[in-house]
Protein backbone atom coordinates (compact mmCIF):
# COMPACT_ATOMS: atom_id res chain seq x y z
CA MET A 1 -14.17 1.37 103.44
CA SER A 2 -14.51 0.49 99.77
CA THR A 3 -11.95 1.97 97.41
CA TYR A 4 -14.51 3.86 95.58
CA ILE A 5 -15.89 5.60 98.93
CA GLN A 6 -12.07 6.07 99.99
CA ASN A 7 -11.31 7.97 96.53
CA LYS A 8 -14.40 10.13 96.92
CA LEU A 9 -13.53 11.37 100.30
CA ALA A 10 -10.04 12.00 99.91
CA LYS A 11 -10.94 14.31 96.97
CA GLY A 12 -13.23 16.09 99.51
CA GLU A 13 -16.40 15.08 96.96
CA LYS A 14 -19.92 15.05 98.64
CA LEU A 15 -21.52 11.41 98.27
CA GLN A 16 -24.85 10.85 97.04
CA PHE A 17 -26.74 8.07 98.64
CA PHE A 18 -29.65 6.18 96.88
CA ILE A 19 -31.94 4.54 99.54
CA THR A 20 -34.82 2.23 98.87
CA GLY A 21 -37.46 2.29 101.50
CA ALA A 22 -36.60 6.02 102.12
CA SER A 23 -39.97 7.00 102.97
CA GLY A 24 -40.38 4.40 105.50
CA TYR A 25 -39.83 4.00 109.24
CA ILE A 26 -36.02 3.27 109.31
CA GLY A 27 -35.40 4.76 105.84
CA LEU A 28 -36.87 8.48 107.18
CA ALA A 29 -34.29 7.78 109.92
CA VAL A 30 -31.15 7.11 107.37
CA THR A 31 -32.36 9.90 105.48
CA GLU A 32 -32.05 12.43 108.03
CA PHE A 33 -29.22 11.08 109.49
CA ALA A 34 -27.35 10.93 106.20
CA ILE A 35 -28.28 14.83 105.56
CA ALA A 36 -27.22 15.83 108.66
CA GLN A 37 -23.80 14.53 108.13
CA GLY A 38 -23.45 16.34 104.80
CA PHE A 39 -24.38 13.44 102.28
CA SER A 40 -27.16 14.15 99.62
CA VAL A 41 -29.77 11.93 99.20
CA ARG A 42 -32.34 10.59 96.83
CA GLY A 43 -35.09 8.19 98.01
CA LEU A 44 -37.36 5.77 96.47
CA SER A 45 -40.81 6.75 96.97
CA ARG A 46 -44.24 5.11 96.37
CA SER A 47 -46.77 7.90 97.12
CA GLU A 48 -46.71 11.89 97.01
CA GLU A 49 -47.19 11.36 100.94
CA GLY A 50 -43.73 9.80 100.85
CA ASP A 51 -42.53 12.49 98.64
CA GLU A 52 -43.35 15.13 100.81
CA LYS A 53 -41.50 13.41 103.77
CA LEU A 54 -38.67 13.36 101.88
CA LYS A 55 -38.56 16.55 100.84
CA SER A 56 -39.21 18.06 104.38
CA LEU A 57 -35.49 16.43 104.90
CA GLY A 58 -33.91 17.83 102.13
CA ALA A 59 -33.88 14.74 99.99
CA THR A 60 -35.02 14.32 96.49
CA PRO A 61 -37.98 11.72 96.15
CA VAL A 62 -37.90 9.21 93.28
CA ARG A 63 -41.00 7.49 92.32
CA GLY A 64 -40.79 3.96 92.41
CA ASP A 65 -40.85 0.48 94.00
CA LEU A 66 -39.07 -2.97 94.14
CA THR A 67 -40.68 -3.77 90.75
CA THR A 68 -39.34 -0.91 88.73
CA HIS A 69 -36.10 -2.31 87.88
CA ASP A 70 -35.11 0.39 85.28
CA VAL A 71 -35.62 2.74 88.06
CA LEU A 72 -33.48 0.82 90.73
CA ALA A 73 -30.99 0.53 88.04
CA ARG A 74 -30.91 4.25 86.90
CA GLU A 75 -30.33 5.51 90.10
CA SER A 76 -28.12 3.06 91.55
CA ALA A 77 -25.87 3.92 88.55
CA ALA A 78 -25.96 7.49 89.21
CA ALA A 79 -25.34 7.16 93.25
CA ASP A 80 -22.18 6.50 95.10
CA ALA A 81 -23.96 4.53 97.74
CA ILE A 82 -26.87 2.37 97.77
CA ILE A 83 -29.05 1.50 100.90
CA HIS A 84 -31.74 -1.16 100.42
CA LEU A 85 -34.11 -0.74 102.93
CA ALA A 86 -37.36 -1.38 100.89
CA TRP A 87 -39.28 -4.53 101.86
CA ASN A 88 -42.98 -6.06 101.26
CA HIS A 89 -44.15 -6.13 105.05
CA ASP A 90 -47.61 -7.91 103.90
CA TRP A 91 -47.26 -10.80 106.39
CA SER A 92 -50.43 -12.75 104.54
CA ALA A 93 -48.84 -12.83 101.23
CA ASP A 94 -46.16 -15.96 100.26
CA TYR A 95 -43.12 -15.20 102.03
CA SER A 96 -41.36 -17.14 98.97
CA LYS A 97 -42.35 -14.89 96.64
CA ILE A 98 -41.62 -11.71 98.69
CA VAL A 99 -37.94 -12.74 98.94
CA ASP A 100 -37.90 -13.50 95.21
CA ALA A 101 -39.29 -10.05 94.42
CA ASP A 102 -36.36 -8.74 96.74
CA ILE A 103 -33.69 -10.96 95.09
CA ALA A 104 -35.06 -9.61 91.49
CA ALA A 105 -34.59 -5.79 92.66
CA VAL A 106 -31.45 -6.51 94.39
CA ASN A 107 -30.19 -8.30 91.14
CA ALA A 108 -31.20 -4.90 89.10
CA ILE A 109 -29.22 -2.76 91.35
CA CYS A 110 -26.22 -5.20 91.52
CA ALA A 111 -26.12 -5.35 87.48
CA ALA A 112 -26.03 -1.28 87.43
CA ILE A 113 -22.63 -0.96 90.12
CA LYS A 114 -21.06 -4.27 89.13
CA ASP A 115 -16.96 -3.84 89.37
CA THR A 116 -17.30 -0.08 90.53
CA GLY A 117 -16.80 -0.70 93.85
CA LYS A 118 -19.72 1.34 95.06
CA PRO A 119 -21.28 -0.14 98.49
CA LEU A 120 -24.59 -1.63 98.38
CA VAL A 121 -25.74 -1.93 101.98
CA ILE A 122 -28.93 -4.26 102.51
CA ALA A 123 -31.34 -4.66 105.46
CA SER A 124 -31.68 -8.01 106.77
CA GLY A 125 -32.42 -9.66 110.28
CA CYS A 126 -30.70 -11.35 112.96
CA ALA A 127 -33.68 -13.56 114.20
CA GLY A 128 -32.81 -16.46 111.77
CA GLY A 129 -29.84 -17.71 113.78
CA GLN A 130 -30.11 -20.57 115.98
CA PRO A 131 -29.79 -19.39 119.54
CA ASN A 132 -26.92 -20.92 121.86
CA ALA A 133 -27.84 -23.46 123.87
CA ASP A 134 -26.19 -22.00 126.90
CA GLY A 135 -28.48 -18.51 126.30
CA SER A 136 -25.25 -16.54 125.52
CA GLU A 137 -24.95 -14.07 122.79
CA THR A 138 -25.05 -15.25 118.88
CA ASP A 139 -22.39 -13.94 116.33
CA GLU A 140 -23.16 -13.44 112.47
CA ASN A 141 -21.80 -16.78 111.79
CA ALA A 142 -24.72 -18.72 114.12
CA PRO A 143 -26.40 -21.46 112.11
CA LEU A 144 -29.98 -20.89 110.62
CA ARG A 145 -32.69 -22.01 112.47
CA GLN A 146 -34.20 -25.04 110.95
CA ASN A 147 -37.59 -24.99 108.98
CA PHE A 148 -37.90 -21.13 109.87
CA ILE A 149 -39.51 -19.16 107.28
CA VAL A 150 -37.86 -15.86 108.07
CA ALA A 151 -34.57 -17.37 107.53
CA LYS A 152 -35.49 -17.44 103.95
CA ARG A 153 -34.81 -13.59 104.01
CA LEU A 154 -31.01 -14.47 104.35
CA GLU A 155 -30.97 -15.72 100.88
CA SER A 156 -31.49 -12.15 99.62
CA GLU A 157 -28.83 -10.87 101.79
CA THR A 158 -26.46 -13.62 100.63
CA ASN A 159 -27.43 -12.85 96.80
CA ALA A 160 -26.31 -8.88 97.59
CA THR A 161 -23.00 -9.79 99.89
CA ALA A 162 -21.65 -12.88 97.59
CA LYS A 163 -22.11 -11.35 94.39
CA GLU A 164 -18.55 -11.04 92.32
CA GLY A 165 -17.81 -7.41 91.65
CA ILE A 166 -20.06 -6.14 94.16
CA HIS A 167 -19.05 -4.34 97.62
CA GLY A 168 -22.19 -5.99 99.15
CA ILE A 169 -22.81 -5.59 102.90
CA ALA A 170 -25.61 -6.68 105.00
CA ILE A 171 -27.05 -5.18 108.47
CA ARG A 172 -28.68 -7.55 110.22
CA LEU A 173 -31.77 -5.86 112.43
CA SER A 174 -33.14 -6.62 115.55
CA PRO A 175 -36.48 -8.09 115.49
CA TYR A 176 -37.58 -4.99 117.43
CA VAL A 177 -36.64 -1.51 115.95
CA TYR A 178 -38.14 1.07 117.96
CA GLY A 179 -38.05 4.77 118.92
CA HIS A 180 -40.17 7.94 117.82
CA GLY A 181 -43.29 5.99 118.44
CA GLY A 182 -43.03 4.38 114.97
CA LYS A 183 -43.92 1.34 113.30
CA GLY A 184 -42.90 -2.13 113.73
CA PHE A 185 -43.54 -5.43 115.80
CA LEU A 186 -43.90 -3.46 118.91
CA LEU A 187 -46.37 -1.24 117.72
CA MET A 188 -48.25 -3.92 116.50
CA GLN A 189 -47.98 -5.68 119.98
CA ILE A 190 -49.45 -2.49 121.94
CA ALA A 191 -52.09 -2.73 119.25
CA GLU A 192 -53.02 -5.92 120.30
CA ALA A 193 -53.01 -5.37 123.44
CA VAL A 194 -55.44 -2.45 123.33
CA LYS A 195 -57.87 -4.51 121.33
CA LEU A 196 -57.72 -8.07 123.51
CA ASN A 197 -57.67 -5.70 126.81
CA GLU A 198 -54.29 -7.85 127.90
CA SER A 199 -51.02 -8.26 127.19
CA LEU A 200 -49.56 -11.61 126.32
CA TYR A 201 -46.39 -13.67 126.55
CA ILE A 202 -45.89 -17.09 125.73
CA ASN A 203 -45.29 -19.83 128.38
CA ASP A 204 -42.63 -18.31 131.14
CA GLY A 205 -41.35 -15.53 129.08
CA THR A 206 -37.97 -16.39 129.51
CA TYR A 207 -37.03 -16.07 126.10
CA HIS A 208 -34.84 -12.93 125.27
CA THR A 209 -34.97 -10.69 122.13
CA SER A 210 -32.68 -8.32 120.58
CA THR A 211 -33.91 -4.54 120.25
CA LEU A 212 -32.35 -1.49 118.40
CA HIS A 213 -33.53 1.94 118.46
CA VAL A 214 -34.12 3.65 114.98
CA GLU A 215 -31.65 6.27 115.21
CA ASP A 216 -28.77 3.64 116.15
CA ALA A 217 -30.24 1.39 113.04
CA ALA A 218 -29.79 4.63 110.81
CA ARG A 219 -26.22 5.67 112.25
CA LEU A 220 -25.17 2.04 111.70
CA PHE A 221 -26.42 1.87 107.84
CA ILE A 222 -24.28 4.87 107.33
CA ALA A 223 -21.14 3.60 109.01
CA ALA A 224 -21.55 0.55 106.96
CA VAL A 225 -21.55 2.69 103.88
CA LEU A 226 -18.47 4.36 104.97
CA LYS A 227 -16.49 1.47 106.66
CA GLY A 228 -18.11 -1.85 105.77
CA LYS A 229 -16.15 -4.64 104.22
CA ALA A 230 -17.14 -6.27 101.23
CA GLY A 231 -19.00 -9.84 101.86
CA GLU A 232 -19.71 -9.29 105.61
CA ALA A 233 -22.87 -9.16 107.72
CA TYR A 234 -23.05 -7.13 110.75
CA ASN A 235 -25.57 -7.81 113.74
CA GLY A 236 -27.78 -4.20 114.38
CA VAL A 237 -28.28 -4.66 117.99
CA GLY A 238 -28.69 -2.61 121.20
CA GLN A 239 -30.23 -4.67 124.07
CA THR A 240 -30.28 -8.31 124.27
CA ASN A 241 -31.57 -8.52 127.77
CA VAL A 242 -34.97 -7.67 127.33
CA SER A 243 -37.18 -10.92 127.93
CA LEU A 244 -40.55 -11.53 126.28
CA LYS A 245 -42.35 -11.25 129.87
CA ASP A 246 -40.41 -7.99 130.26
CA MET A 247 -41.81 -6.67 127.25
CA ALA A 248 -45.70 -7.76 127.69
CA GLU A 249 -45.23 -6.35 131.28
CA ALA A 250 -44.19 -2.90 130.02
CA ILE A 251 -46.84 -2.94 127.38
CA GLY A 252 -49.44 -4.06 129.84
CA LYS A 253 -48.29 -1.11 132.16
CA VAL A 254 -48.76 1.37 129.36
CA VAL A 255 -51.80 0.38 127.95
CA GLY A 256 -53.13 -0.23 131.35
CA VAL A 257 -54.55 -3.74 131.06
CA PRO A 258 -53.70 -7.17 132.80
CA VAL A 259 -50.50 -9.54 131.64
CA ARG A 260 -50.96 -12.98 131.32
CA SER A 261 -49.13 -16.31 130.06
CA VAL A 262 -50.64 -18.24 127.17
CA THR A 263 -49.61 -21.29 125.25
CA PRO A 264 -48.28 -21.14 121.95
CA GLU A 265 -51.58 -22.42 120.51
CA GLU A 266 -53.82 -19.69 122.26
CA ALA A 267 -51.36 -17.30 121.21
CA ALA A 268 -51.85 -18.17 117.60
CA GLN A 269 -55.46 -17.61 118.14
CA LYS A 270 -55.57 -14.65 120.07
CA TRP A 271 -52.88 -12.86 117.75
CA ASN A 272 -52.35 -14.43 114.60
CA PRO A 273 -49.64 -17.67 113.86
CA PHE A 274 -47.23 -15.23 112.37
CA LEU A 275 -47.22 -13.12 115.37
CA ALA A 276 -47.30 -15.79 117.68
CA MET A 277 -44.31 -17.65 115.91
CA PHE A 278 -42.23 -14.27 116.06
CA ASN A 279 -42.83 -13.55 119.72
CA TYR A 280 -41.90 -17.15 120.66
CA LEU A 281 -38.22 -16.48 119.38
CA ASP A 282 -35.14 -16.61 121.50
CA VAL A 283 -32.75 -14.13 119.90
CA ARG A 284 -29.56 -12.49 121.64
CA ALA A 285 -27.30 -11.37 118.52
CA SER A 286 -24.14 -9.82 119.75
CA ASN A 287 -23.33 -6.34 118.37
CA LYS A 288 -19.36 -6.98 118.91
CA LYS A 289 -18.42 -6.98 115.31
CA ALA A 290 -20.31 -3.72 114.66
CA ARG A 291 -18.58 -2.21 117.57
CA GLU A 292 -15.52 -3.08 116.66
CA PHE A 293 -15.25 -3.10 112.44
CA LEU A 294 -17.51 -0.14 112.13
CA ASP A 295 -16.72 1.93 115.12
CA TRP A 296 -20.06 2.37 115.95
CA LYS A 297 -22.27 1.81 119.43
CA PRO A 298 -25.83 2.18 120.31
CA GLU A 299 -27.06 5.59 122.04
CA GLY A 300 -30.56 5.41 121.94
CA VAL A 301 -33.09 5.23 125.06
CA ASP A 302 -33.76 1.79 126.33
CA TYR A 303 -36.06 -0.64 125.01
CA ILE A 304 -38.39 -1.03 128.33
CA THR A 305 -38.21 3.03 129.03
CA ASP A 306 -39.46 4.04 125.73
CA ILE A 307 -42.46 1.77 125.96
CA VAL A 308 -43.51 2.43 129.62
CA SER A 309 -42.51 6.39 129.61
CA GLY A 310 -41.00 7.54 126.38
CA SER A 311 -42.51 7.79 122.76
CA TYR A 312 -44.78 4.75 123.04
CA ALA A 313 -46.79 6.16 125.91
CA PRO A 314 -48.91 8.90 123.61
CA VAL A 315 -49.28 6.17 120.92
CA ALA A 316 -50.41 3.74 123.26
CA ALA A 317 -53.12 6.57 124.58
CA GLN A 318 -54.12 7.10 121.12
CA LEU A 319 -54.83 3.69 120.33
CA LYS A 320 -56.97 3.30 123.52
CA ALA A 321 -58.73 6.65 122.55
CA ARG A 322 -59.60 5.50 119.24
CA LYS A 323 -61.14 2.11 120.34
């Protein structure tokens, strides 16, 4: 825990969070859980729709985005803790420019809180870590994958966690954050299965992925604010035992389409090159560090169950009805 947060809590003072990406999928869950725990939230929002979502949860919307550095600086200076979730999810854009824009936004936040001890918790990802040759779970010290574009996101993470005078903490999210039938790569995969009338996996599908329920993600970000150590990264992972074939079969079942194996080349043609690359990663990241040091544990419904008979069943039905 940062000394700043420790002192605020010791005085019985109510913490104020500033959350970027607050009106997004994970951001709304973090906002809801933070308010439920008695904290106040000011959330960055880009639209009237986002404003209304935040107001419905009891949060105060703040109009802005990653380019409004004056807003980011002002809100960060006034807050007790900052959770940075906003990210440009335009996969057709130049990824290097996306990372550079995020670094510039984080720099604006950091300049406003330097030497205050206020925690800045930034969202990152665990897919950039090189898998272990023996198939065991990797920790936060795993070397980066070579020539893997998404690993560049860790440059933004390091920019926040390695700065002098900044209590920076990173949460490395699983590739598949799921729950509440919400957006993310799982929903993209379901939509592709509906469009193609088949659910695909690459080669033998034995690679594993890491998954995390959105409510567990929310609780993890708050735990990092309250207990995270400066300069540290924590893997946000619920399960590591789901194979890519398991996922394809679950999607095939809920959509009602056949399941088959394809080559990486065919996957790139059927989906798109980015999605094919993303769905051919072996990601088994350990959550041991988060469990031990943040007193956190995942509790959400398991991934396959949520696809087949949980929150994604009505979503799949809606997608099929629209086709």
